[in-house]
């Protein structure tokens, strides 16, 4: 039996259609919105009025719909009211950013800290302080936080981190430790979404997030591929050498043991220096630019190991583009060529071309931006829910 839509359900759907079209096509007149959406001009006019009252859109200037008739008033997204908070927990830093409805970054802050030596409660306490700082700065700009997403370095199942080996966390329910409502997702997944929404990636690509751990996010047709349980993308634990060094995951010879940030620093003679402070990745870059042999050899080996792991990813998923992010972004000049060379040697028999390797425009900011962007996209998809939330 077909069940009729309730009036409020239909209104919520139509409101999302109108706001989505404003995001896609704006600035746009009300008359053009009515023509594109198939809604009546009266309905569109009322919904635009509601969206203006909610601070989601604004009207300014004039826009002409065609050759004839008077120009209409332009409707476009407003970045002056609705915003989202993105947070990231990584092994050696915490970060936060606030993004408005137009995807403009309004505030950003980060803190270098070794979270391997802290308990989940301690880490979340520090993250709470950073989040409050970002929220205070946003509110000073007149923004209202519509929601929060946290990026974490491990697979997430319903808000629960079963295991984050590089943090030493097991069975941690992150939202329960933060004094604000938040959703949680894997940092590599959110980094891929950040690259899609804020970077220059196409609608089909594999994003590789290089940190102390290495993750990957696959975007297909502009949507994230999560796998059966949302746990896809653990590229760092693809085995490069079966009898290689032990990994925190319990396996041996994983990619992280060759191309992860800690492994790179050890191989370059910079062991023990956290990547977020002087002596870590910044010093590695200085030595690479100076042409020092040991750092150059470390990046060569890391790039080769990355190429081996990416060869398996290409065979399984056939991405057209591979975006290297995180610490691989500043190291791209020294990592990409050995990775490309290895992939070419291993793939050339079966493939005429090797996927393009490109550098992330966002680097280490991708996951935090993706976290905030996810909230914004949900608000645009369901502005009716946001209006009810804001009214309370």
Protein backbone atom coordinates (compact mmCIF):
# COMPACT_ATOMS: atom_id res chain seq x y z
CA UNK A 1 0.00 0.00 0.00
CA UNK A 2 1.26 3.42 -0.92
CA UNK A 3 1.25 5.80 2.03
CA UNK A 4 0.65 9.51 1.41
CA UNK A 5 3.34 11.93 2.52
CA UNK A 6 2.45 14.02 5.54
CA UNK A 7 2.33 17.76 4.92
CA UNK A 8 5.36 18.46 7.11
CA UNK A 9 7.35 15.67 5.42
CA UNK A 10 6.57 17.07 1.99
CA UNK A 11 7.45 20.56 3.16
CA UNK A 12 10.77 19.37 4.58
CA UNK A 13 11.61 17.63 1.32
CA UNK A 14 10.72 20.67 -0.79
CA UNK A 15 12.67 22.99 1.46
CA UNK A 16 15.74 20.80 0.93
CA UNK A 17 15.15 20.84 -2.84
CA UNK A 18 15.00 24.65 -2.90
CA UNK A 19 18.06 25.14 -0.71
CA UNK A 20 20.00 22.51 -2.66
CA UNK A 21 19.24 24.31 -5.92
CA UNK A 22 20.32 27.64 -4.42
CA UNK A 23 23.63 26.01 -3.43
CA UNK A 24 24.05 24.50 -6.89
CA UNK A 25 22.89 27.39 -9.10
CA UNK A 26 22.88 30.54 -7.00
CA UNK A 27 22.69 33.47 -7.23
CA UNK A 28 19.29 32.66 -8.72
CA UNK A 29 15.88 34.36 -8.82
CA UNK A 30 12.74 32.96 -7.19
CA UNK A 31 11.13 32.63 -10.62
CA UNK A 32 14.05 30.52 -11.86
CA UNK A 33 13.89 28.39 -8.71
CA UNK A 34 10.21 27.70 -9.39
CA UNK A 35 10.93 26.72 -12.98
CA UNK A 36 13.82 24.39 -12.09
CA UNK A 37 12.17 22.70 -9.09
CA UNK A 38 8.66 22.46 -10.57
CA UNK A 39 7.17 24.12 -7.49
CA UNK A 40 4.76 27.02 -7.75
CA UNK A 41 6.11 30.55 -7.49
CA UNK A 42 4.03 31.08 -4.36
CA UNK A 43 5.50 27.98 -2.70
CA UNK A 44 9.04 28.93 -3.65
CA UNK A 45 8.54 32.48 -2.43
CA UNK A 46 7.29 31.24 0.95
CA UNK A 47 10.18 28.80 1.31
CA UNK A 48 12.77 31.40 0.36
CA UNK A 49 11.25 33.64 3.02
CA UNK A 50 11.61 30.86 5.61
CA UNK A 51 15.21 30.25 4.58
CA UNK A 52 15.97 33.97 4.88
CA UNK A 53 14.43 34.03 8.36
CA UNK A 54 16.62 31.06 9.32
CA UNK A 55 19.76 32.80 8.09
CA UNK A 56 20.48 30.21 5.41
CA UNK A 57 20.01 32.39 2.33
CA UNK A 58 20.08 36.05 1.54
CA UNK A 59 18.79 38.29 -1.25
CA UNK A 60 20.97 40.93 -2.81
CA UNK A 61 21.24 42.63 -6.18
CA UNK A 62 19.34 41.58 -9.27
CA UNK A 63 19.59 38.67 -11.68
CA UNK A 64 17.97 38.38 -15.11
CA UNK A 65 16.31 35.06 -15.96
CA UNK A 66 16.19 35.60 -19.72
CA UNK A 67 16.03 38.15 -22.48
CA UNK A 68 12.61 39.49 -21.47
CA UNK A 69 10.96 40.71 -18.32
CA UNK A 70 12.20 42.55 -15.30
CA UNK A 71 15.22 41.15 -13.48
CA UNK A 72 14.49 39.24 -10.28
CA UNK A 73 16.20 39.56 -6.91
CA UNK A 74 19.13 37.19 -6.54
CA UNK A 75 18.88 34.45 -3.89
CA UNK A 76 22.14 32.92 -2.65
CA UNK A 77 23.53 31.05 0.33
CA UNK A 78 24.36 33.12 3.37
CA UNK A 79 27.47 32.51 5.42
CA UNK A 80 26.48 34.82 8.25
CA UNK A 81 24.44 32.54 10.49
CA UNK A 82 24.76 28.75 10.10
CA UNK A 83 28.12 27.06 10.69
CA UNK A 84 29.63 23.68 11.54
CA UNK A 85 32.45 22.55 13.81
CA UNK A 86 35.00 20.03 12.57
CA UNK A 87 37.37 18.39 15.04
CA UNK A 88 40.26 15.98 14.55
CA UNK A 89 42.12 13.71 16.94
CA UNK A 90 45.41 12.49 15.54
CA UNK A 91 48.38 10.83 17.12
CA UNK A 92 50.49 13.96 17.50
CA UNK A 93 48.01 16.82 17.24
CA UNK A 94 44.44 18.03 17.77
CA UNK A 95 42.72 20.47 15.43
CA UNK A 96 39.44 22.34 15.05
CA UNK A 97 37.82 24.48 12.40
CA UNK A 98 34.52 26.26 11.86
CA UNK A 99 33.03 26.43 8.36
CA UNK A 100 29.97 28.45 7.39
CA UNK A 101 27.13 27.42 5.06
CA UNK A 102 29.04 28.64 1.98
CA UNK A 103 31.98 26.36 2.97
CA UNK A 104 34.12 29.33 3.89
CA UNK A 105 36.52 28.64 6.76
CA UNK A 106 35.79 31.12 9.54
CA UNK A 107 38.23 29.98 12.20
CA UNK A 108 40.92 27.33 12.55
CA UNK A 109 43.13 26.26 15.45
CA UNK A 110 45.46 23.35 16.24
CA UNK A 111 47.54 22.02 19.10
CA UNK A 112 50.63 19.82 18.86
CA UNK A 113 50.39 17.08 21.50
CA UNK A 114 51.52 13.46 21.76
CA UNK A 115 48.24 11.64 22.34
CA UNK A 116 49.95 8.25 22.61
CA UNK A 117 50.92 9.08 26.19
CA UNK A 118 47.43 10.28 27.19
CA UNK A 119 44.28 8.39 28.12
CA UNK A 120 41.14 8.84 26.01
CA UNK A 121 39.66 10.98 28.80
CA UNK A 122 42.71 13.28 28.85
CA UNK A 123 42.76 13.60 25.07
CA UNK A 124 39.06 14.41 24.91
CA UNK A 125 39.49 17.00 27.66
CA UNK A 126 42.12 18.79 25.57
CA UNK A 127 39.90 18.49 22.50
CA UNK A 128 37.00 20.00 24.47
CA UNK A 129 39.13 23.05 25.27
CA UNK A 130 40.13 23.45 21.65
CA UNK A 131 36.53 23.04 20.51
CA UNK A 132 35.34 25.68 22.97
CA UNK A 133 37.95 28.11 21.68
CA UNK A 134 36.74 27.60 18.11
CA UNK A 135 33.08 27.92 19.13
CA UNK A 136 33.76 31.14 21.05
CA UNK A 137 35.49 32.66 18.02
CA UNK A 138 32.61 31.60 15.78
CA UNK A 139 29.98 33.03 18.10
CA UNK A 140 31.90 36.32 18.22
CA UNK A 141 31.31 36.44 14.44
CA UNK A 142 27.57 35.90 14.91
CA UNK A 143 27.63 32.25 13.84
CA UNK A 144 25.55 29.42 15.29
CA UNK A 145 27.04 25.91 15.32
CA UNK A 146 24.58 23.51 13.69
CA UNK A 147 26.56 20.35 14.49
CA UNK A 148 29.94 18.76 15.11
CA UNK A 149 31.85 15.87 13.55
CA UNK A 150 35.06 14.38 14.97
CA UNK A 151 37.71 12.75 12.80
CA UNK A 152 39.63 9.94 14.51
CA UNK A 153 42.59 7.79 13.34
CA UNK A 154 40.92 4.42 13.31
CA UNK A 155 37.91 2.51 12.00
CA UNK A 156 34.61 3.67 13.50
CA UNK A 157 31.45 1.61 13.92
CA UNK A 158 28.45 3.53 15.25
CA UNK A 159 30.60 6.03 17.15
CA UNK A 160 32.71 3.25 18.69
CA UNK A 161 36.42 2.91 17.98
CA UNK A 162 37.12 -0.79 18.38
CA UNK A 163 40.84 -0.28 17.93
CA UNK A 164 43.05 2.70 17.11
CA UNK A 165 46.49 1.03 17.29
CA UNK A 166 48.54 4.21 16.93
CA UNK A 167 46.71 5.79 19.86
CA UNK A 168 46.53 2.60 21.92
CA UNK A 169 42.72 2.96 22.18
CA UNK A 170 40.36 -0.01 22.33
CA UNK A 171 36.56 0.05 22.51
CA UNK A 172 36.31 3.80 23.09
CA UNK A 173 32.98 5.54 22.48
CA UNK A 174 34.24 9.01 21.64
CA UNK A 175 30.97 11.04 21.80
CA UNK A 176 30.44 9.96 25.42
CA UNK A 177 33.68 11.71 26.40
CA UNK A 178 32.88 15.09 24.86
CA UNK A 179 30.57 17.65 26.43
CA UNK A 180 28.75 18.48 23.21
CA UNK A 181 26.71 16.40 20.75
CA UNK A 182 28.95 15.06 18.00
CA UNK A 183 29.26 12.36 15.39
CA UNK A 184 32.47 10.45 14.74
CA UNK A 185 34.08 9.16 11.56
CA UNK A 186 37.40 7.84 10.35
CA UNK A 187 39.88 10.62 9.54
CA UNK A 188 40.83 9.17 6.14
CA UNK A 189 37.16 9.06 5.08
CA UNK A 190 36.65 12.65 6.16
CA UNK A 191 39.91 13.73 4.51
CA UNK A 192 38.63 12.30 1.22
CA UNK A 193 35.39 14.26 1.62
CA UNK A 194 37.39 17.36 2.51
CA UNK A 195 39.37 16.96 -0.70
CA UNK A 196 36.13 16.54 -2.67
CA UNK A 197 34.40 19.59 -1.20
CA UNK A 198 37.29 21.97 -0.50
CA UNK A 199 40.09 20.77 -2.78
CA UNK A 200 40.39 20.17 -6.49
CA UNK A 201 39.77 16.42 -6.73
CA UNK A 202 37.46 14.94 -9.38
CA UNK A 203 34.33 12.96 -8.47
CA UNK A 204 36.19 9.63 -8.66
CA UNK A 205 39.47 9.32 -6.76
CA UNK A 206 41.39 7.59 -3.98
CA UNK A 207 42.66 9.88 -1.23
CA UNK A 208 45.65 8.63 0.78
CA UNK A 209 46.07 10.26 4.16
CA UNK A 210 49.66 9.98 5.32
CA UNK A 211 50.20 10.60 9.02
CA UNK A 212 51.77 8.38 11.68
CA UNK A 213 49.09 6.00 10.49
CA UNK A 214 48.11 5.74 6.82
CA UNK A 215 44.48 5.61 5.74
CA UNK A 216 42.61 5.92 2.48
CA UNK A 217 39.19 7.11 1.38
CA UNK A 218 37.61 6.09 -1.93
CA UNK A 219 35.19 8.54 -3.58
CA UNK A 220 33.03 7.16 -6.40
CA UNK A 221 30.63 9.42 -8.29
CA UNK A 222 31.00 12.14 -5.67
CA UNK A 223 30.09 9.79 -2.79
CA UNK A 224 32.28 8.07 -0.23
CA UNK A 225 32.59 4.27 -0.45
CA UNK A 226 32.55 2.88 3.10
CA UNK A 227 32.35 -0.88 2.65
CA UNK A 228 29.91 -3.29 4.32
CA UNK A 229 30.50 -1.97 7.86
CA UNK A 230 32.07 1.40 7.14
CA UNK A 231 35.57 0.08 7.72
CA UNK A 232 37.03 0.34 4.20
CA UNK A 233 40.28 2.18 3.52
CA UNK A 234 42.86 0.80 5.98
CA UNK A 235 45.65 1.13 3.43
CA UNK A 236 48.30 1.47 6.14
CA UNK A 237 47.79 -2.18 7.06
CA UNK A 238 48.19 -3.54 3.55
CA UNK A 239 51.15 -5.92 3.80
CA UNK A 240 54.17 -4.73 1.82
CA UNK A 241 56.63 -7.38 3.09
CA UNK A 242 55.13 -10.49 4.76
CA UNK A 243 58.13 -11.04 7.05
CA UNK A 244 58.69 -7.32 7.70
CA UNK A 245 58.73 -5.48 11.04
CA UNK A 246 55.91 -5.93 13.53
CA UNK A 247 53.04 -3.44 13.34
CA UNK A 248 50.83 -2.10 16.14
CA UNK A 249 47.86 -3.75 14.42
CA UNK A 250 49.29 -7.20 15.23
CA UNK A 251 50.50 -7.93 11.70
CA UNK A 252 53.94 -7.69 10.11
CA UNK A 253 55.35 -5.72 7.21
CA UNK A 254 52.44 -3.24 6.96
CA UNK A 255 52.80 -0.10 4.83
CA UNK A 256 52.86 2.09 7.95
CA UNK A 257 56.15 0.46 8.98
CA UNK A 258 57.77 1.81 5.82
CA UNK A 259 55.91 4.99 4.84
CA UNK A 260 54.21 6.18 8.03
CA UNK A 261 55.46 9.41 9.56
CA UNK A 262 57.34 7.73 12.44
CA UNK A 263 58.93 5.21 10.09
CA UNK A 264 60.05 7.96 7.73
CA UNK A 265 61.61 9.99 10.55
CA UNK A 266 63.44 6.95 11.90
CA UNK A 267 64.80 6.04 8.49
CA UNK A 268 65.93 9.64 7.95
CA UNK A 269 67.79 9.75 11.27
CA UNK A 270 65.20 11.89 13.06
CA UNK A 271 63.74 9.21 15.34
CA UNK A 272 61.68 10.24 18.32
CA UNK A 273 60.77 13.71 17.07
CA UNK A 274 57.01 14.30 16.86
CA UNK A 275 56.04 15.42 13.38
CA UNK A 276 54.11 18.48 14.54
CA UNK A 277 57.07 20.27 16.21
CA UNK A 278 60.50 21.47 15.01
CA UNK A 279 62.78 18.48 14.49
CA UNK A 280 60.12 16.35 12.87
CA UNK A 281 58.69 16.78 9.37
CA UNK A 282 59.87 20.43 9.11
CA UNK A 283 63.48 19.36 9.71
CA UNK A 284 63.07 16.42 7.34
CA UNK A 285 61.99 18.86 4.65
CA UNK A 286 65.02 21.07 5.31
CA UNK A 287 67.37 18.11 4.95
CA UNK A 288 65.66 16.91 1.79
CA UNK A 289 66.02 20.35 0.22
CA UNK A 290 69.69 20.33 1.21
CA UNK A 291 70.11 17.02 -0.63
CA UNK A 292 71.21 14.94 2.37
CA UNK A 293 71.56 11.28 1.32
CA UNK A 294 69.87 9.56 4.29
CA UNK A 295 66.58 11.52 4.15
CA UNK A 296 66.53 11.11 0.35
CA UNK A 297 66.99 7.35 0.68
CA UNK A 298 64.24 7.20 3.36
CA UNK A 299 61.75 8.89 1.03
CA UNK A 300 62.81 6.66 -1.87
CA UNK A 301 62.10 3.52 0.17
CA UNK A 302 58.86 4.94 1.54
CA UNK A 303 57.71 5.86 -1.97
CA UNK A 304 58.49 2.36 -3.24
CA UNK A 305 56.52 0.78 -0.37
CA UNK A 306 53.63 3.15 -1.04
CA UNK A 307 53.75 2.16 -4.71
CA UNK A 308 53.47 -1.53 -3.77
CA UNK A 309 50.42 -0.90 -1.57
CA UNK A 310 48.80 1.35 -4.17
CA UNK A 311 49.30 -1.33 -6.81
CA UNK A 312 47.01 -3.60 -4.78
CA UNK A 313 44.52 -0.75 -4.35
CA UNK A 314 44.49 -0.11 -8.11
CA UNK A 315 43.91 -3.79 -8.89
CA UNK A 316 40.98 -3.87 -6.45
CA UNK A 317 39.35 -0.48 -7.01
CA UNK A 318 40.63 0.96 -10.30
CA UNK A 319 40.72 4.65 -9.28
CA UNK A 320 41.41 7.16 -12.04
CA UNK A 321 43.23 9.57 -9.71
CA UNK A 322 45.16 9.07 -6.47
CA UNK A 323 45.52 12.12 -4.22
CA UNK A 324 48.36 12.08 -1.68
CA UNK A 325 47.53 14.08 1.46
CA UNK A 326 48.62 14.54 5.06
CA UNK A 327 52.43 14.56 5.40
CA UNK A 328 52.65 13.11 1.89
CA UNK A 329 51.60 16.56 0.62
CA UNK A 330 54.74 18.46 1.71
CA UNK A 331 56.84 15.36 0.89
CA UNK A 332 55.20 14.86 -2.52
CA UNK A 333 58.28 15.99 -4.46
CA UNK A 334 60.33 13.12 -2.98
CA UNK A 335 57.63 10.45 -2.42
CA UNK A 336 55.57 10.57 -5.62
CA UNK A 337 58.18 9.61 -8.20
CA UNK A 338 59.33 6.33 -6.58
CA UNK A 339 55.68 5.46 -5.92
CA UNK A 340 54.78 6.19 -9.55
CA UNK A 341 57.78 4.23 -10.81
CA UNK A 342 56.87 1.19 -8.70
CA UNK A 343 53.23 1.27 -9.79
CA UNK A 344 54.21 1.55 -13.44
CA UNK A 345 56.54 -1.44 -13.21
CA UNK A 346 53.88 -3.58 -11.51
CA UNK A 347 50.84 -2.48 -13.51
CA UNK A 348 52.11 -1.96 -17.04
CA UNK A 349 51.51 -5.54 -18.19
CA UNK A 350 47.78 -5.38 -17.46
CA UNK A 351 47.07 -1.66 -17.91
CA UNK A 352 47.88 0.88 -20.60
CA UNK A 353 47.94 3.72 -18.08
CA UNK A 354 48.69 4.14 -14.39
CA UNK A 355 46.36 6.31 -12.25
CA UNK A 356 47.48 9.91 -11.96
CA UNK A 357 49.24 10.77 -8.70
CA UNK A 358 48.39 14.29 -7.52
CA UNK A 359 49.13 16.28 -4.40
CA UNK A 360 46.41 17.38 -1.99
CA UNK A 361 45.72 21.10 -1.86
CA UNK A 362 44.61 20.73 1.76
CA UNK A 363 47.40 18.64 3.27
CA UNK A 364 46.85 18.07 6.98
CA UNK A 365 43.68 20.19 7.07
CA UNK A 366 41.63 17.83 4.90
CA UNK A 367 40.07 15.71 7.67
CA UNK A 368 39.02 18.67 9.84
CA UNK A 369 37.49 20.42 6.84
CA UNK A 370 35.73 17.23 5.77
CA UNK A 371 34.32 16.85 9.28
CA UNK A 372 32.82 20.34 9.22
CA UNK A 373 31.73 19.96 5.60
CA UNK A 374 29.75 16.83 6.42
CA UNK A 375 27.59 18.81 8.84
CA UNK A 376 27.04 21.57 6.28
CA UNK A 377 25.95 19.11 3.61
CA UNK A 378 23.47 17.54 6.02
CA UNK A 379 22.00 20.94 6.88
CA UNK A 380 21.56 21.73 3.19
CA UNK A 381 19.95 18.34 2.59
CA UNK A 382 17.52 18.82 5.50
CA UNK A 383 17.13 22.54 6.32
CA UNK A 384 13.75 21.85 7.92
CA UNK A 385 15.47 19.90 10.71
CA UNK A 386 17.94 22.75 11.21
CA UNK A 387 15.11 25.31 11.44
CA UNK A 388 13.41 23.25 14.17
CA UNK A 389 16.73 22.83 16.00
CA UNK A 390 17.55 26.55 15.81
CA UNK A 391 14.10 27.55 17.03
CA UNK A 392 14.74 25.61 20.24
